[in-house]
Amino acid sequence: MPKMKTNSSAKKRFQVTGSGKIKRRKAFKRHILTKKTKKQKRSLGHVAILDKSDLYNVKHMLALK
């Protein structure tokens, strides 16, 4: 059986940590930043851990399962 291919868009957007969790970037920091507060923009710059409900789909896209 051939190997599963990794989804190219997913491998650019997600990163697996050493403990097996998946990191992602936060949305809404590309444009229309003038109406957002400094605090909001600062918190959007941090990385986040992927939610448990999305884990199954993303692991399949990254060919981890």
PDB file of N, CA and C in Angstrom:
ATOM      1  N   MET A   1       0.845  -1.180   0.000  1.00  0.00           N
ATOM      2  CA  MET A   1       0.000   0.000   0.000  1.00  0.00           C
ATOM      3  C   MET A   1       0.893   1.246   0.000  1.00  0.00           C
ATOM      4  N   PRO A   2       0.576   2.240  -0.816  1.00  0.00           N
ATOM      5  CA  PRO A   2       1.422   3.442  -0.858  1.00  0.00           C
ATOM      6  C   PRO A   2       1.241   4.305   0.390  1.00  0.00           C
ATOM      7  N   LYS A   3       2.233   5.140   0.615  1.00  0.00           N
ATOM      8  CA  LYS A   3       2.173   6.051   1.755  1.00  0.00           C
ATOM      9  C   LYS A   3       1.102   7.110   1.514  1.00  0.00           C
ATOM     10  N   MET A   4       0.532   7.641   2.632  1.00  0.00           N
ATOM     11  CA  MET A   4      -0.439   8.726   2.526  1.00  0.00           C
ATOM     12  C   MET A   4       0.296  10.029   2.256  1.00  0.00           C
ATOM     13  N   LYS A   5      -0.258  10.846   1.386  1.00  0.00           N
ATOM     14  CA  LYS A   5       0.356  12.150   1.111  1.00  0.00           C
ATOM     15  C   LYS A   5      -0.088  13.165   2.152  1.00  0.00           C
ATOM     16  N   THR A   6       0.822  14.039   2.528  1.00  0.00           N
ATOM     17  CA  THR A   6       0.517  15.131   3.438  1.00  0.00           C
ATOM     18  C   THR A   6      -0.155  16.245   2.656  1.00  0.00           C
ATOM     19  N   ASN A   7      -1.195  16.833   3.244  1.00  0.00           N
ATOM     20  CA  ASN A   7      -1.869  17.968   2.629  1.00  0.00           C
ATOM     21  C   ASN A   7      -0.917  19.165   2.658  1.00  0.00           C
ATOM     22  N   SER A   8      -0.601  19.731   1.487  1.00  0.00           N
ATOM     23  CA  SER A   8       0.405  20.793   1.398  1.00  0.00           C
ATOM     24  C   SER A   8      -0.001  22.053   2.154  1.00  0.00           C
ATOM     25  N   SER A   9      -1.283  22.400   2.125  1.00  0.00           N
ATOM     26  CA  SER A   9      -1.706  23.606   2.841  1.00  0.00           C
ATOM     27  C   SER A   9      -1.630  23.399   4.347  1.00  0.00           C
ATOM     28  N   ALA A  10      -1.887  22.177   4.806  1.00  0.00           N
ATOM     29  CA  ALA A  10      -1.851  21.893   6.245  1.00  0.00           C
ATOM     30  C   ALA A  10      -0.427  21.909   6.783  1.00  0.00           C
ATOM     31  N   LYS A  11       0.525  21.402   6.007  1.00  0.00           N
ATOM     32  CA  LYS A  11       1.900  21.369   6.511  1.00  0.00           C
ATOM     33  C   LYS A  11       2.497  22.763   6.624  1.00  0.00           C
ATOM     34  N   LYS A  12       1.935  23.742   5.877  1.00  0.00           N
ATOM     35  CA  LYS A  12       2.395  25.127   5.990  1.00  0.00           C
ATOM     36  C   LYS A  12       1.761  25.840   7.181  1.00  0.00           C
ATOM     37  N   ARG A  13       0.596  25.367   7.622  1.00  0.00           N
ATOM     38  CA  ARG A  13      -0.162  26.068   8.651  1.00  0.00           C
ATOM     39  C   ARG A  13      -0.009  25.493  10.058  1.00  0.00           C
ATOM     40  N   PHE A  14       0.327  24.219  10.173  1.00  0.00           N
ATOM     41  CA  PHE A  14       0.382  23.571  11.470  1.00  0.00           C
ATOM     42  C   PHE A  14       1.769  23.010  11.744  1.00  0.00           C
ATOM     43  N   GLN A  15       2.111  22.905  13.035  1.00  0.00           N
ATOM     44  CA  GLN A  15       3.402  22.382  13.437  1.00  0.00           C
ATOM     45  C   GLN A  15       3.185  21.477  14.649  1.00  0.00           C
ATOM     46  N   VAL A  16       3.812  20.320  14.652  1.00  0.00           N
ATOM     47  CA  VAL A  16       3.664  19.366  15.747  1.00  0.00           C
ATOM     48  C   VAL A  16       4.735  19.641  16.804  1.00  0.00           C
ATOM     49  N   THR A  17       4.315  19.717  18.068  1.00  0.00           N
ATOM     50  CA  THR A  17       5.253  19.954  19.164  1.00  0.00           C
ATOM     51  C   THR A  17       5.911  18.640  19.571  1.00  0.00           C
ATOM     52  N   GLY A  18       6.860  18.712  20.466  1.00  0.00           N
ATOM     53  CA  GLY A  18       7.546  17.524  20.930  1.00  0.00           C
ATOM     54  C   GLY A  18       6.647  16.565  21.681  1.00  0.00           C
ATOM     55  N   SER A  19       5.634  17.110  22.366  1.00  0.00           N
ATOM     56  CA  SER A  19       4.721  16.259  23.132  1.00  0.00           C
ATOM     57  C   SER A  19       3.563  15.739  22.282  1.00  0.00           C
ATOM     58  N   GLY A  20       3.541  16.102  20.987  1.00  0.00           N
ATOM     59  CA  GLY A  20       2.501  15.583  20.098  1.00  0.00           C
ATOM     60  C   GLY A  20       1.315  16.510  19.888  1.00  0.00           C
ATOM     61  N   LYS A  21       1.316  17.664  20.549  1.00  0.00           N
ATOM     62  CA  LYS A  21       0.237  18.633  20.331  1.00  0.00           C
ATOM     63  C   LYS A  21       0.491  19.359  19.013  1.00  0.00           C
ATOM     64  N   ILE A  22      -0.546  20.004  18.488  1.00  0.00           N
ATOM     65  CA  ILE A  22      -0.400  20.709  17.217  1.00  0.00           C
ATOM     66  C   ILE A  22      -0.585  22.200  17.443  1.00  0.00           C
ATOM     67  N   LYS A  23       0.412  22.982  16.980  1.00  0.00           N
ATOM     68  CA  LYS A  23       0.368  24.436  17.124  1.00  0.00           C
ATOM     69  C   LYS A  23      -0.231  25.051  15.875  1.00  0.00           C
ATOM     70  N   ARG A  24      -0.898  26.190  16.055  1.00  0.00           N
ATOM     71  CA  ARG A  24      -1.470  26.931  14.934  1.00  0.00           C
ATOM     72  C   ARG A  24      -1.318  28.415  15.190  1.00  0.00           C
ATOM     73  N   ARG A  25      -1.445  29.221  14.125  1.00  0.00           N
ATOM     74  CA  ARG A  25      -1.424  30.671  14.249  1.00  0.00           C
ATOM     75  C   ARG A  25      -2.855  31.159  14.439  1.00  0.00           C
ATOM     76  N   LYS A  26      -3.007  32.315  15.026  1.00  0.00           N
ATOM     77  CA  LYS A  26      -4.343  32.880  15.204  1.00  0.00           C
ATOM     78  C   LYS A  26      -4.745  33.695  13.979  1.00  0.00           C
ATOM     79  N   ALA A  27      -6.033  33.762  13.742  1.00  0.00           N
ATOM     80  CA  ALA A  27      -6.566  34.473  12.588  1.00  0.00           C
ATOM     81  C   ALA A  27      -6.777  35.955  12.917  1.00  0.00           C
ATOM     82  N   PHE A  28      -7.168  36.734  11.922  1.00  0.00           N
ATOM     83  CA  PHE A  28      -7.560  38.155  12.057  1.00  0.00           C
ATOM     84  C   PHE A  28      -6.409  39.108  12.340  1.00  0.00           C
ATOM     85  N   LYS A  29      -5.189  38.795  11.870  1.00  0.00           N
ATOM     86  CA  LYS A  29      -4.095  39.750  12.059  1.00  0.00           C
ATOM     87  C   LYS A  29      -3.448  40.124  10.734  1.00  0.00           C
ATOM     88  N   ARG A  30      -4.179  40.024   9.642  1.00  0.00           N
ATOM     89  CA  ARG A  30      -3.629  40.318   8.322  1.00  0.00           C
ATOM     90  C   ARG A  30      -3.910  41.759   7.884  1.00  0.00           C
ATOM     91  N   HIS A  31      -5.143  42.204   8.050  1.00  0.00           N
ATOM     92  CA  HIS A  31      -5.505  43.546   7.578  1.00  0.00           C
ATOM     93  C   HIS A  31      -6.635  44.080   8.451  1.00  0.00           C
ATOM     94  N   ILE A  32      -7.037  45.338   8.200  1.00  0.00           N
ATOM     95  CA  ILE A  32      -8.015  46.069   9.023  1.00  0.00           C
ATOM     96  C   ILE A  32      -7.551  46.061  10.485  1.00  0.00           C
ATOM     97  N   LEU A  33      -6.306  46.474  10.691  1.00  0.00           N
ATOM     98  CA  LEU A  33      -5.736  46.452  12.036  1.00  0.00           C
ATOM     99  C   LEU A  33      -5.926  47.770  12.779  1.00  0.00           C
ATOM    100  N   THR A  34      -6.385  48.806  12.080  1.00  0.00           N
ATOM    101  CA  THR A  34      -6.503  50.124  12.720  1.00  0.00           C
ATOM    102  C   THR A  34      -7.601  50.147  13.770  1.00  0.00           C
ATOM    103  N   LYS A  35      -8.637  49.366  13.576  1.00  0.00           N
ATOM    104  CA  LYS A  35      -9.741  49.375  14.542  1.00  0.00           C
ATOM    105  C   LYS A  35      -9.554  48.393  15.694  1.00  0.00           C
ATOM    106  N   LYS A  36      -8.486  47.617  15.649  1.00  0.00           N
ATOM    107  CA  LYS A  36      -8.220  46.659  16.713  1.00  0.00           C
ATOM    108  C   LYS A  36      -7.275  47.279  17.737  1.00  0.00           C
ATOM    109  N   THR A  37      -7.476  46.936  18.996  1.00  0.00           N
ATOM    110  CA  THR A  37      -6.652  47.514  20.060  1.00  0.00           C
ATOM    111  C   THR A  37      -5.261  46.877  20.051  1.00  0.00           C
ATOM    112  N   LYS A  38      -4.323  47.573  20.708  1.00  0.00           N
ATOM    113  CA  LYS A  38      -2.958  47.043  20.807  1.00  0.00           C
ATOM    114  C   LYS A  38      -2.957  45.695  21.512  1.00  0.00           C
ATOM    115  N   LYS A  39      -3.762  45.592  22.554  1.00  0.00           N
ATOM    116  CA  LYS A  39      -3.843  44.352  23.330  1.00  0.00           C
ATOM    117  C   LYS A  39      -4.347  43.198  22.465  1.00  0.00           C
ATOM    118  N   GLN A  40      -5.348  43.489  21.661  1.00  0.00           N
ATOM    119  CA  GLN A  40      -5.925  42.463  20.789  1.00  0.00           C
ATOM    120  C   GLN A  40      -4.909  42.001  19.737  1.00  0.00           C
ATOM    121  N   LYS A  41      -4.212  42.979  19.142  1.00  0.00           N
ATOM    122  CA  LYS A  41      -3.218  42.640  18.116  1.00  0.00           C
ATOM    123  C   LYS A  41      -2.043  41.862  18.714  1.00  0.00           C
ATOM    124  N   ARG A  42      -1.659  42.214  19.926  1.00  0.00           N
ATOM    125  CA  ARG A  42      -0.567  41.518  20.604  1.00  0.00           C
ATOM    126  C   ARG A  42      -0.934  40.065  20.890  1.00  0.00           C
ATOM    127  N   SER A  43      -2.161  39.844  21.351  1.00  0.00           N
ATOM    128  CA  SER A  43      -2.576  38.478  21.677  1.00  0.00           C
ATOM    129  C   SER A  43      -2.778  37.634  20.423  1.00  0.00           C
ATOM    130  N   LEU A  44      -3.100  38.284  19.311  1.00  0.00           N
ATOM    131  CA  LEU A  44      -3.254  37.552  18.054  1.00  0.00           C
ATOM    132  C   LEU A  44      -1.911  37.112  17.488  1.00  0.00           C
ATOM    133  N   GLY A  45      -0.833  37.703  17.965  1.00  0.00           N
ATOM    134  CA  GLY A  45       0.486  37.336  17.479  1.00  0.00           C
ATOM    135  C   GLY A  45       1.013  36.039  18.063  1.00  0.00           C
ATOM    136  N   HIS A  46       0.440  35.613  19.194  1.00  0.00           N
ATOM    137  CA  HIS A  46       0.899  34.388  19.848  1.00  0.00           C
ATOM    138  C   HIS A  46       0.380  33.151  19.115  1.00  0.00           C
ATOM    139  N   VAL A  47       1.081  32.052  19.296  1.00  0.00           N
ATOM    140  CA  VAL A  47       0.597  30.794  18.723  1.00  0.00           C
ATOM    141  C   VAL A  47      -0.385  30.154  19.691  1.00  0.00           C
ATOM    142  N   ALA A  48      -1.252  29.300  19.172  1.00  0.00           N
ATOM    143  CA  ALA A  48      -2.248  28.627  19.993  1.00  0.00           C
ATOM    144  C   ALA A  48      -2.152  27.127  19.755  1.00  0.00           C
ATOM    145  N   ILE A  49      -2.654  26.360  20.710  1.00  0.00           N
ATOM    146  CA  ILE A  49      -2.710  24.906  20.575  1.00  0.00           C
ATOM    147  C   ILE A  49      -4.054  24.567  19.928  1.00  0.00           C
ATOM    148  N   LEU A  50      -4.021  23.641  19.003  1.00  0.00           N
ATOM    149  CA  LEU A  50      -5.218  23.248  18.272  1.00  0.00           C
ATOM    150  C   LEU A  50      -6.248  22.636  19.214  1.00  0.00           C
ATOM    151  N   ASP A  51      -7.509  22.965  19.005  1.00  0.00           N
ATOM    152  CA  ASP A  51      -8.592  22.451  19.829  1.00  0.00           C
ATOM    153  C   ASP A  51      -8.800  20.952  19.589  1.00  0.00           C
ATOM    154  N   LYS A  52      -9.301  20.269  20.608  1.00  0.00           N
ATOM    155  CA  LYS A  52      -9.496  18.823  20.536  1.00  0.00           C
ATOM    156  C   LYS A  52     -10.471  18.426  19.428  1.00  0.00           C
ATOM    157  N   SER A  53     -11.460  19.274  19.154  1.00  0.00           N
ATOM    158  CA  SER A  53     -12.463  18.952  18.138  1.00  0.00           C
ATOM    159  C   SER A  53     -11.888  18.972  16.720  1.00  0.00           C
ATOM    160  N   ASP A  54     -10.813  19.724  16.496  1.00  0.00           N
ATOM    161  CA  ASP A  54     -10.195  19.798  15.167  1.00  0.00           C
ATOM    162  C   ASP A  54      -9.035  18.823  14.998  1.00  0.00           C
ATOM    163  N   LEU A  55      -8.630  18.192  16.074  1.00  0.00           N
ATOM    164  CA  LEU A  55      -7.436  17.354  16.071  1.00  0.00           C
ATOM    165  C   LEU A  55      -7.517  16.204  15.070  1.00  0.00           C
ATOM    166  N   TYR A  56      -8.651  15.529  15.012  1.00  0.00           N
ATOM    167  CA  TYR A  56      -8.817  14.365  14.125  1.00  0.00           C
ATOM    168  C   TYR A  56      -8.585  14.754  12.666  1.00  0.00           C
ATOM    169  N   ASN A  57      -9.227  15.831  12.217  1.00  0.00           N
ATOM    170  CA  ASN A  57      -9.121  16.258  10.819  1.00  0.00           C
ATOM    171  C   ASN A  57      -7.709  16.706  10.462  1.00  0.00           C
ATOM    172  N   VAL A  58      -7.077  17.455  11.333  1.00  0.00           N
ATOM    173  CA  VAL A  58      -5.744  17.979  11.044  1.00  0.00           C
ATOM    174  C   VAL A  58      -4.718  16.851  11.046  1.00  0.00           C
ATOM    175  N   LYS A  59      -4.853  15.894  11.954  1.00  0.00           N
ATOM    176  CA  LYS A  59      -3.912  14.766  11.961  1.00  0.00           C
ATOM    177  C   LYS A  59      -4.023  13.952  10.678  1.00  0.00           C
ATOM    178  N   HIS A  60      -5.221  13.830  10.148  1.00  0.00           N
ATOM    179  CA  HIS A  60      -5.380  13.131   8.877  1.00  0.00           C
ATOM    180  C   HIS A  60      -4.759  13.917   7.728  1.00  0.00           C
ATOM    181  N   MET A  61      -4.907  15.237   7.759  1.00  0.00           N
ATOM    182  CA  MET A  61      -4.300  16.063   6.710  1.00  0.00           C
ATOM    183  C   MET A  61      -2.779  16.010   6.760  1.00  0.00           C
ATOM    184  N   LEU A  62      -2.229  15.883   7.985  1.00  0.00           N
ATOM    185  CA  LEU A  62      -0.781  15.812   8.139  1.00  0.00           C
ATOM    186  C   LEU A  62      -0.263  14.380   8.036  1.00  0.00           C
ATOM    187  N   ALA A  63      -1.142  13.444   7.752  1.00  0.00           N
ATOM    188  CA  ALA A  63      -0.810  12.014   7.617  1.00  0.00           C
ATOM    189  C   ALA A  63      -0.137  11.474   8.875  1.00  0.00           C
ATOM    190  N   LEU A  64      -0.672  11.849  10.042  1.00  0.00           N
ATOM    191  CA  LEU A  64      -0.138  11.361  11.318  1.00  0.00           C
ATOM    192  C   LEU A  64      -0.902  10.152  11.831  1.00  0.00           C
ATOM    193  N   LYS A  65      -2.054   9.870  11.223  1.00  0.00           N
ATOM    194  CA  LYS A  65      -2.845   8.700  11.629  1.00  0.00           C
ATOM    195  C   LYS A  65      -3.032   7.767  10.480  1.00  0.00           C
TER     196      LYS A  65
END
